[in-house]
Protein backbone atom coordinates (compact mmCIF):
# COMPACT_ATOMS: atom_id res chain seq x y z
CA MET A 1 -13.48 41.25 5.71
CA ALA A 2 -14.40 41.57 1.86
CA PHE A 3 -15.72 39.15 -0.71
CA VAL A 4 -16.19 39.15 -4.33
CA VAL A 5 -19.40 37.67 -5.11
CA MET A 6 -19.28 35.34 -8.27
CA GLY A 7 -20.28 31.73 -9.07
CA ARG A 8 -17.88 29.04 -9.88
CA LYS A 9 -19.51 28.15 -13.34
CA THR A 10 -19.18 32.02 -14.29
CA VAL A 11 -15.49 32.08 -13.61
CA LYS A 12 -14.86 28.84 -15.56
CA LYS A 13 -16.71 30.12 -18.68
CA MET A 14 -14.70 33.21 -18.46
CA GLY A 15 -11.37 31.05 -18.63
CA CYS A 16 -8.13 32.91 -19.92
CA TYR A 17 -9.81 36.25 -19.71
CA PHE A 18 -9.06 36.26 -15.94
CA ARG A 19 -5.25 36.57 -16.72
CA SER A 20 -5.49 40.17 -18.71
CA ALA A 21 -8.51 41.59 -17.39
CA VAL A 22 -8.92 40.38 -13.71
CA ALA A 23 -8.37 43.90 -12.37
CA LYS A 24 -10.99 45.36 -14.58
CA LEU A 25 -13.57 42.68 -13.47
CA VAL A 26 -12.61 43.24 -9.78
CA SER A 27 -13.26 46.90 -9.81
CA GLY A 28 -16.73 46.21 -11.65
CA LEU A 29 -17.79 43.48 -9.34
CA LEU A 30 -20.22 44.01 -6.25
CA ILE A 31 -18.01 44.10 -3.00
CA LEU A 32 -20.00 43.06 0.09
CA ALA A 33 -19.04 44.20 3.48
CA VAL A 34 -20.12 41.72 6.16
CA VAL A 35 -19.76 41.21 9.76
CA SER A 36 -20.04 37.53 9.82
CA VAL A 37 -18.94 34.77 7.10
CA HIS A 38 -21.84 32.72 7.72
CA ALA A 39 -24.11 35.75 7.12
CA VAL A 40 -22.78 35.91 3.63
CA ILE A 41 -23.08 32.40 2.82
CA GLU A 42 -26.50 32.24 3.77
CA GLU A 43 -27.15 34.76 0.98
CA VAL A 44 -24.72 33.91 -1.67
CA ASP A 45 -21.44 31.96 -1.70
CA ALA A 46 -18.43 34.25 -2.17
CA ILE A 47 -14.95 33.87 -3.94
CA ALA A 48 -12.14 33.64 -1.40
CA ALA A 49 -9.42 33.53 -4.30
CA ILE A 50 -9.21 33.47 -8.06
CA VAL A 51 -6.70 30.59 -9.08
CA ASP A 52 -5.92 30.90 -12.74
CA ASP A 53 -9.35 30.00 -14.59
CA ASP A 54 -10.74 28.75 -11.06
CA VAL A 55 -11.86 29.95 -7.81
CA VAL A 56 -11.83 28.99 -4.29
CA LEU A 57 -14.99 29.71 -2.42
CA VAL A 58 -15.44 30.75 1.18
CA SER A 59 -17.79 27.80 1.54
CA GLU A 60 -14.78 25.50 0.66
CA LEU A 61 -12.58 27.35 3.22
CA LEU A 62 -14.90 27.32 6.07
CA SER A 63 -15.85 23.80 5.50
CA ARG A 64 -12.37 22.61 5.56
CA TYR A 65 -11.72 24.75 8.77
CA GLU A 66 -14.66 23.26 10.49
CA LEU A 67 -13.24 19.78 9.68
CA PHE A 68 -9.86 20.58 10.81
CA VAL A 69 -11.53 21.51 14.23
CA GLN A 70 -13.24 18.34 14.60
CA ARG A 71 -10.31 16.21 13.84
CA ALA A 72 -8.25 18.16 16.50
CA GLU A 73 -11.14 17.69 18.99
CA GLN A 74 -11.31 14.04 18.33
CA SER A 75 -7.58 13.60 18.70
CA GLY A 76 -7.74 15.17 22.00
CA ALA A 77 -5.69 18.36 21.21
CA THR A 78 -5.57 20.79 24.07
CA GLU A 79 -4.34 23.77 21.92
CA VAL A 80 -5.42 24.73 18.61
CA PRO A 81 -3.31 27.14 16.24
CA PRO A 82 -4.97 30.46 16.04
CA ARG A 83 -7.79 30.52 13.64
CA GLU A 84 -5.95 33.13 10.99
CA THR A 85 -3.05 30.81 10.87
CA VAL A 86 -5.00 27.53 10.11
CA LEU A 87 -6.98 29.57 7.49
CA ASN A 88 -4.18 30.72 5.59
CA GLN A 89 -2.84 26.90 5.82
CA LEU A 90 -6.11 25.64 4.17
CA MET A 91 -6.16 28.47 1.90
CA GLU A 92 -2.76 27.41 0.61
CA ARG A 93 -3.94 23.88 0.34
CA LEU A 94 -7.14 24.74 -1.49
CA ILE A 95 -5.00 26.84 -4.25
CA THR A 96 -2.63 23.83 -4.66
CA GLU A 97 -5.54 21.43 -5.04
CA SER A 98 -7.33 23.94 -7.63
CA LEU A 99 -4.14 24.10 -9.79
CA GLN A 100 -3.77 20.28 -9.93
CA ILE A 101 -7.29 19.73 -10.70
CA GLN A 102 -7.08 22.25 -13.56
CA GLU A 103 -3.97 20.55 -14.66
CA ALA A 104 -5.89 17.16 -14.65
CA GLU A 105 -8.52 18.79 -16.78
CA ARG A 106 -6.11 19.87 -19.31
CA ARG A 107 -4.80 16.64 -19.76
CA GLY A 108 -8.26 14.77 -20.01
CA ILE A 109 -7.62 12.91 -16.52
CA ILE A 110 -10.76 11.95 -15.24
CA ILE A 111 -12.45 9.51 -12.70
CA ASP A 112 -15.50 7.86 -14.14
CA ASP A 113 -18.33 7.16 -12.24
CA GLU A 114 -17.76 3.30 -12.31
CA THR A 115 -14.09 3.52 -11.06
CA LEU A 116 -15.41 5.79 -8.20
CA THR A 117 -18.18 3.47 -7.28
CA ASP A 118 -15.56 0.29 -7.06
CA ALA A 119 -13.26 2.79 -4.84
CA VAL A 120 -16.39 3.68 -2.47
CA THR A 121 -17.47 -0.07 -2.54
CA SER A 122 -14.03 -1.15 -1.49
CA PHE A 123 -13.61 1.55 1.37
CA ALA A 124 -17.10 0.47 2.68
CA GLY A 125 -15.70 -3.28 2.48
CA GLN A 126 -12.78 -2.29 4.58
CA ASN A 127 -15.11 -0.88 7.06
CA GLY A 128 -17.26 -4.37 7.12
CA MET A 129 -20.26 -2.83 5.25
CA ASP A 130 -21.82 -3.32 1.89
CA LEU A 131 -22.54 -0.24 -0.11
CA ASP A 132 -26.27 0.00 0.99
CA GLY A 133 -25.07 -0.24 4.72
CA PHE A 134 -22.36 2.47 4.20
CA GLN A 135 -24.79 4.93 2.84
CA GLN A 136 -26.87 4.27 5.59
CA SER A 137 -24.10 4.85 7.93
CA LEU A 138 -23.19 7.97 6.38
CA ALA A 139 -26.63 9.10 6.49
CA ASP A 140 -26.79 8.16 10.14
CA GLU A 141 -24.04 10.77 10.86
CA GLY A 142 -25.32 13.45 8.80
CA VAL A 143 -23.19 13.02 5.99
CA SER A 144 -24.53 13.37 2.31
CA TYR A 145 -23.49 10.14 0.43
CA ARG A 146 -23.39 12.36 -2.94
CA SER A 147 -20.89 14.78 -1.07
CA PHE A 148 -18.88 12.02 0.15
CA ARG A 149 -18.47 10.70 -3.65
CA GLU A 150 -17.36 13.55 -4.97
CA ASP A 151 -14.62 13.89 -2.11
CA ILE A 152 -13.27 10.55 -2.80
CA ARG A 153 -13.57 11.38 -6.41
CA ARG A 154 -11.35 14.48 -5.79
CA GLU A 155 -8.80 12.75 -3.97
CA MET A 156 -8.45 9.98 -6.60
CA LEU A 157 -8.22 12.76 -9.26
CA LEU A 158 -5.55 14.47 -7.35
CA GLY A 159 -3.46 11.16 -6.70
CA ARG A 160 -3.80 10.44 -10.16
CA VAL A 161 -2.50 13.84 -11.63
CA GLN A 162 0.21 13.76 -9.35
CA ARG A 163 1.47 10.27 -10.31
CA ASP A 164 1.30 11.36 -14.02
CA MET A 165 3.33 14.39 -13.64
CA VAL A 166 5.62 13.41 -11.23
CA ASN A 167 6.61 9.63 -12.35
CA ARG A 168 7.83 10.96 -15.53
CA GLN A 169 10.47 12.98 -13.76
CA ILE A 170 11.90 10.06 -11.88
CA TYR A 171 14.86 8.51 -13.47
CA ILE A 172 16.39 5.48 -11.55
CA THR A 173 19.55 3.50 -13.32
CA GLU A 174 20.93 0.17 -12.49
CA GLN A 175 23.65 1.58 -10.75
CA ASP A 176 21.23 3.56 -8.36
CA VAL A 177 19.52 0.29 -7.39
CA ALA A 178 23.34 -1.56 -6.94
CA ASP A 179 24.48 1.50 -4.61
CA LEU A 180 21.39 1.01 -2.57
CA ARG A 181 21.62 -2.81 -2.66
CA GLY A 182 25.30 -2.31 -1.23
CA SER A 183 24.37 0.25 1.51
CA PRO A 184 24.33 -0.10 5.18
CA PHE A 185 21.03 1.13 5.14
CA PHE A 186 19.40 -1.57 2.87
CA ARG A 187 21.12 -4.31 4.82
CA GLU A 188 19.75 -3.38 7.92
CA TRP A 189 16.34 -2.70 6.25
CA VAL A 190 16.05 -6.26 4.88
CA SER A 191 18.10 -7.84 7.71
CA ASP A 192 15.83 -10.26 9.87
CA GLN A 193 14.16 -9.12 13.47
CA TYR A 194 13.72 -11.79 16.25
CA ARG A 195 11.19 -11.82 18.84
CA ILE A 196 12.69 -13.90 21.79
CA GLY A 197 11.02 -14.95 24.76
CA HIS A 198 13.66 -15.05 27.92
CA ILE A 199 13.49 -16.88 31.28
CA LEU A 200 16.17 -16.68 33.77
CA LEU A 201 16.59 -18.76 36.42
CA ARG A 202 18.91 -17.26 39.11
CA ILE A 203 21.21 -19.87 41.32
CA GLU A 204 20.80 -18.36 44.72
CA ASP A 205 24.44 -19.83 45.71
CA PRO A 206 26.28 -20.83 42.86
CA LEU A 207 28.98 -22.37 45.17
CA SER A 208 26.32 -24.73 46.59
CA ASP A 209 25.70 -28.19 44.62
CA MET A 210 22.05 -28.28 46.08
CA ALA A 211 21.07 -24.76 44.92
CA VAL A 212 22.71 -25.41 41.46
CA SER A 213 20.91 -28.93 41.02
CA ALA A 214 17.55 -27.38 42.12
CA ALA A 215 18.00 -24.57 39.45
CA LYS A 216 18.60 -27.30 36.68
CA ASP A 217 15.58 -29.53 37.87
CA MET A 218 13.73 -26.37 37.43
CA ALA A 219 14.94 -25.45 34.01
CA VAL A 220 14.23 -29.26 32.82
CA ASP A 221 10.96 -29.04 34.05
CA ILE A 222 10.19 -25.58 32.34
CA LEU A 223 11.73 -26.80 29.29
CA GLY A 224 9.84 -29.95 29.03
CA LYS A 225 6.53 -27.94 29.64
CA LEU A 226 7.60 -25.29 26.89
CA ARG A 227 8.07 -28.18 24.50
CA ALA A 228 5.00 -29.71 25.01
CA GLY A 229 3.32 -26.49 24.04
CA GLU A 230 2.77 -24.61 27.28
CA GLU A 231 2.60 -20.86 27.02
CA PHE A 232 5.80 -18.96 27.49
CA SER A 233 4.42 -16.01 28.80
CA ARG A 234 2.98 -17.69 31.80
CA LEU A 235 5.89 -19.93 32.72
CA ALA A 236 8.04 -16.65 32.54
CA ILE A 237 5.62 -14.46 34.89
CA ALA A 238 5.75 -17.35 37.05
CA HIS A 239 9.38 -18.43 37.22
CA SER A 240 11.71 -15.77 35.69
CA ALA A 241 14.07 -13.64 37.44
CA GLY A 242 14.84 -11.33 34.27
CA SER A 243 13.74 -7.76 33.98
CA THR A 244 11.00 -8.47 31.44
CA ALA A 245 9.39 -11.26 33.84
CA LEU A 246 6.11 -9.10 33.92
CA GLU A 247 6.03 -8.97 30.07
CA GLY A 248 6.00 -12.54 29.65
CA GLY A 249 9.68 -12.64 29.08
CA ASP A 250 9.24 -10.99 25.97
CA LEU A 251 12.43 -9.24 24.77
CA GLY A 252 10.73 -7.41 21.92
CA TRP A 253 11.90 -7.37 18.47
CA ARG A 254 15.60 -7.06 17.88
CA ARG A 255 17.88 -7.61 14.79
CA ALA A 256 20.58 -10.36 15.18
CA ALA A 257 23.16 -7.68 16.22
CA GLU A 258 21.18 -6.33 18.99
CA LEU A 259 20.74 -9.69 20.66
CA PRO A 260 22.57 -10.62 23.79
CA SER A 261 25.79 -12.19 22.67
CA LEU A 262 25.12 -15.12 25.09
CA PHE A 263 22.65 -16.50 22.73
CA SER A 264 22.56 -14.60 19.55
CA GLU A 265 24.31 -17.28 17.41
CA THR A 266 21.59 -19.81 18.82
CA VAL A 267 18.72 -17.53 18.04
CA ILE A 268 19.30 -17.13 14.40
CA GLU A 269 19.16 -20.90 13.82
CA LEU A 270 16.02 -21.51 15.53
CA GLU A 271 12.50 -22.13 13.94
CA ILE A 272 9.60 -20.04 15.36
CA GLY A 273 8.18 -21.68 18.43
CA GLU A 274 11.55 -23.82 18.88
CA THR A 275 13.11 -23.97 22.48
CA PRO A 276 16.93 -25.02 22.59
CA ASP A 277 18.48 -26.45 25.39
CA PRO A 278 19.38 -24.00 28.38
CA ILE A 279 22.22 -21.74 28.49
CA THR A 280 24.05 -21.18 31.76
CA ASN A 281 26.29 -18.32 32.75
CA ALA A 282 27.08 -16.33 35.77
CA LEU A 283 23.93 -14.79 36.00
CA GLY A 284 22.12 -17.95 36.22
CA ILE A 285 20.15 -20.45 33.68
CA HIS A 286 18.50 -18.98 30.77
CA ILE A 287 15.80 -20.43 28.67
CA ILE A 288 14.98 -18.87 25.51
CA GLN A 289 12.30 -19.48 22.78
CA LEU A 290 11.95 -17.93 19.28
CA LEU A 291 8.37 -16.37 19.70
CA ASP A 292 8.35 -14.86 16.20
CA LYS A 293 10.51 -13.55 13.20
CA ARG A 294 10.27 -11.49 10.43
CA GLY A 295 12.42 -10.02 7.37
CA ALA A 296 13.56 -10.63 4.11
CA SER A 297 14.22 -14.48 4.84
CA MET A 298 10.69 -14.83 5.77
CA GLN A 299 9.26 -13.40 2.70
CA LYS A 300 8.32 -16.23 0.62
CA GLU A 301 7.03 -15.95 -3.05
CA LEU A 302 4.61 -18.56 -4.64
CA ARG A 303 6.07 -19.85 -7.86
CA THR A 304 3.89 -21.76 -10.38
CA GLN A 305 5.32 -24.28 -12.94
CA VAL A 306 2.85 -23.84 -15.94
CA ARG A 307 2.55 -24.66 -19.65
CA HIS A 308 0.02 -23.55 -22.11
CA ILE A 309 -1.05 -23.84 -25.73
CA LEU A 310 -1.82 -20.50 -27.94
CA VAL A 311 -3.83 -20.38 -30.79
CA GLN A 312 -3.96 -17.05 -32.39
CA PRO A 313 -6.54 -15.51 -34.66
CA SER A 314 -4.87 -14.03 -37.83
CA GLU A 315 -5.58 -12.86 -41.30
CA ILE A 316 -6.15 -16.30 -42.57
CA LYS A 317 -7.46 -17.73 -39.39
CA SER A 318 -10.84 -16.12 -38.02
CA GLU A 319 -11.77 -15.56 -34.36
CA ALA A 320 -14.15 -18.53 -34.77
CA LEU A 321 -11.94 -20.91 -36.40
CA ALA A 322 -9.38 -20.29 -33.74
CA ARG A 323 -11.81 -20.91 -31.13
CA VAL A 324 -12.81 -24.16 -32.75
CA GLU A 325 -9.16 -25.05 -33.01
CA ILE A 326 -8.34 -24.59 -29.30
CA ASP A 327 -11.67 -26.52 -28.43
CA ARG A 328 -10.43 -29.43 -30.45
CA VAL A 329 -6.81 -29.29 -28.86
CA ARG A 330 -8.28 -29.52 -25.50
CA GLU A 331 -10.52 -32.40 -26.29
CA ARG A 332 -7.44 -34.29 -27.54
CA ALA A 333 -5.52 -33.37 -24.28
CA LEU A 334 -8.44 -34.41 -22.03
CA ALA A 335 -8.49 -37.50 -24.10
CA GLY A 336 -5.21 -38.47 -22.80
CA GLU A 337 -2.74 -37.06 -25.75
CA ASP A 338 0.26 -35.77 -24.35
CA PHE A 339 0.05 -31.96 -23.54
CA ALA A 340 3.66 -31.11 -24.40
CA ASP A 341 3.50 -33.06 -27.71
CA LEU A 342 0.32 -31.04 -28.68
CA ALA A 343 2.08 -27.79 -27.81
CA ARG A 344 4.84 -28.65 -30.21
CA GLU A 345 2.22 -29.55 -32.82
CA VAL A 346 -0.22 -26.64 -32.52
CA SER A 347 0.80 -23.62 -30.18
CA ASP A 348 1.58 -20.38 -31.87
CA ASP A 349 3.52 -19.33 -29.07
CA ALA A 350 7.24 -19.49 -30.99
CA GLY A 351 9.10 -19.09 -27.71
CA THR A 352 7.47 -22.00 -25.73
CA ALA A 353 6.08 -24.44 -28.41
CA LEU A 354 9.40 -26.32 -28.82
CA ALA A 355 9.70 -26.55 -25.14
CA GLY A 356 6.10 -28.61 -25.10
CA GLY A 357 4.43 -24.87 -23.82
CA ASP A 358 6.40 -25.09 -20.73
CA LEU A 359 6.65 -21.49 -19.20
CA GLY A 360 8.83 -22.79 -16.37
CA TRP A 361 8.42 -21.58 -12.63
CA ARG A 362 7.00 -18.09 -12.88
CA ASP A 363 5.56 -15.61 -10.36
CA SER A 364 1.78 -15.00 -11.16
CA ALA A 365 2.49 -11.36 -11.65
CA ASP A 366 4.51 -12.06 -14.78
CA PHE A 367 1.28 -12.83 -16.62
CA VAL A 368 -1.76 -10.88 -17.78
CA ASP A 369 -4.82 -10.80 -15.94
CA GLU A 370 -6.81 -13.31 -17.80
CA PHE A 371 -4.02 -15.99 -17.88
CA ARG A 372 -3.26 -15.11 -13.95
CA ALA A 373 -6.62 -15.67 -13.06
CA VAL A 374 -7.09 -19.16 -14.55
CA MET A 375 -3.41 -20.25 -13.34
CA ASP A 376 -4.11 -19.19 -9.79
CA ALA A 377 -7.47 -20.85 -9.70
CA ILE A 378 -7.11 -24.27 -11.38
CA PRO A 379 -5.81 -27.45 -9.57
CA GLU A 380 -2.54 -28.94 -10.22
CA ASN A 381 -2.26 -31.41 -13.32
CA GLU A 382 -5.50 -30.57 -14.78
CA VAL A 383 -6.17 -28.76 -18.23
CA SER A 384 -8.03 -25.61 -18.05
CA ASP A 385 -11.01 -24.42 -19.90
CA VAL A 386 -10.73 -22.43 -22.97
CA PHE A 387 -9.84 -18.78 -22.01
CA ARG A 388 -9.15 -15.52 -24.13
CA SER A 389 -6.58 -12.84 -23.64
CA GLN A 390 -5.10 -9.92 -25.78
CA PHE A 391 -2.67 -12.91 -27.32
CA GLY A 392 -5.48 -15.27 -28.55
CA TRP A 393 -6.92 -18.26 -27.25
CA HIS A 394 -5.26 -20.50 -24.47
CA ILE A 395 -5.58 -23.63 -22.57
CA LEU A 396 -2.91 -24.11 -19.77
CA GLU A 397 -1.89 -26.75 -17.16
CA VAL A 398 -0.38 -26.14 -13.83
CA LEU A 399 2.33 -28.99 -12.91
CA GLY A 400 3.13 -27.63 -9.47
CA ARG A 401 3.53 -24.90 -7.02
CA ARG A 402 6.08 -24.05 -4.36
CA GLU A 403 7.35 -21.05 -2.06
CA GLU A 404 10.71 -19.74 -2.60
CA ASP A 405 12.92 -17.52 -0.58
CA MET A 406 12.91 -13.88 -1.87
CA SER A 407 15.16 -13.86 -5.08
CA GLU A 408 17.90 -11.38 -6.04
CA GLU A 409 15.32 -9.92 -8.53
CA SER A 410 12.85 -9.30 -5.79
CA LEU A 411 15.38 -7.50 -3.68
CA ASP A 412 16.41 -5.46 -6.54
CA ASP A 413 12.51 -4.57 -6.96
CA MET A 414 12.46 -3.71 -3.08
CA ALA A 415 15.48 -1.33 -3.76
CA LEU A 416 13.90 0.06 -6.88
CA GLN A 417 10.58 0.85 -4.69
CA ILE A 418 12.58 2.53 -1.97
CA LEU A 419 14.44 4.75 -4.56
CA HIS A 420 11.12 5.54 -6.22
CA ASN A 421 9.36 6.60 -2.93
CA ARG A 422 12.28 8.79 -2.10
CA ARG A 423 12.13 10.56 -5.50
CA TYR A 424 8.67 10.75 -5.55
CA ASP A 425 8.19 12.80 -2.41
CA GLU A 426 11.10 15.07 -3.54
CA LYS A 427 9.78 15.52 -6.96
CA LEU A 428 6.10 16.01 -5.99
CA GLU A 429 7.45 18.81 -3.69
CA GLU A 430 9.11 20.47 -6.62
CA TRP A 431 6.41 20.09 -9.01
CA LEU A 432 3.64 21.70 -6.60
CA LYS A 433 5.99 24.56 -5.93
CA GLN A 434 6.46 25.06 -9.66
CA ILE A 435 2.63 25.24 -10.42
CA ARG A 436 2.30 27.58 -7.36
CA ASP A 437 5.00 29.99 -8.63
CA GLU A 438 4.02 29.77 -12.08
CA ALA A 439 -0.14 30.63 -11.29
CA TYR A 440 -1.83 33.44 -11.31
CA VAL A 441 -3.44 33.83 -7.68
CA GLN A 442 -5.34 36.59 -6.39
CA ILE A 443 -6.56 36.03 -2.71
CA ARG A 444 -9.92 38.02 -2.09
CA LEU A 445 -10.27 37.03 1.63
CA ASN A 446 -8.72 39.64 3.80
CA ASP A 447 -9.11 40.89 7.12
CA ASN A 448 -9.58 44.89 7.16
């Protein structure tokens, strides 16, 4: 096994010179023949591959391999592919990552320290720790906090350059969205799913009036307990003769078309937790309860009815004068003047001034961050404090809030997201193949 000894910074400085003169460089470099990879690393890091204007170091490759082995052991894998196979796969991944990072550098894409710290803090929070506690946790596991940060920076940089390069290649038309909305896949994907509890009371002798009466009495008793709030699973285990009795009568998640025809029409009309009257057929008496429900009809959107007054600075109205004006307008509103009349008189938002500043029932995502933050926080029927957005100085008033079923627009957005995700994966693979095919790559890590 042979390694070309050279530092990463040296290669970086040489830049494009690699492309035309790499053969001469390689022939003039010191080649170290070694028995052990680790022995080489103890003396000096070595180059595993030259990738355009960058290099992949042996230490990077071995570090990835050790991580792969650790994860395989943690997952309980009994067989791991041959070392050479894994190293080849890891080498290709490191080469592809290097090409992406070089592309990010050419395009000026960076992850600054503040953004990185926010990401690490968020990661720590997801694990129930503050940043100090997370750093201590890493130290306890023998992991360098600085190395962890740089790993996160690298992942964020890769994600950002991928989005930047791939999103521009994705085109989705209104017809594409309409076609997906009309497809069986989409109708199935957004259709509701129902989780049903089922208790079957068998009638031992259907011809016996006494047996039928006893079963009906039992059904009435169970129904009363369920409607009084007793746990369905406990009663199912105790009384059901159905195949799911030991699972508490839980039939699992099913779409309407997958429900037993005996009670499918009944189920779709139920509210969560509702227990309808028992249903009888040749198998016995059936008691059901809608345990849960999910799907498009369960997804609600919070809408807010809001109105606002905007005062914009201009060439003839300074920032300070605009602020004084909006302060006075707010004082007048608090003193009892009609908000709508003030909007018609003062507001610089030509689109809403004549409507008394009314923006209608809106999704908070429709607004810029500053406006949304105030709107979401303020109680109904109160005039907000003055706040600044990119458009100027505002005050607002929330008139009401309500939840609405998912709109056609939201379903279009859902279809658009599905199409984007599908095409993103395809375009990403195409782009990665393209940059790999066009790159100058010389692998220096070979078994002899």
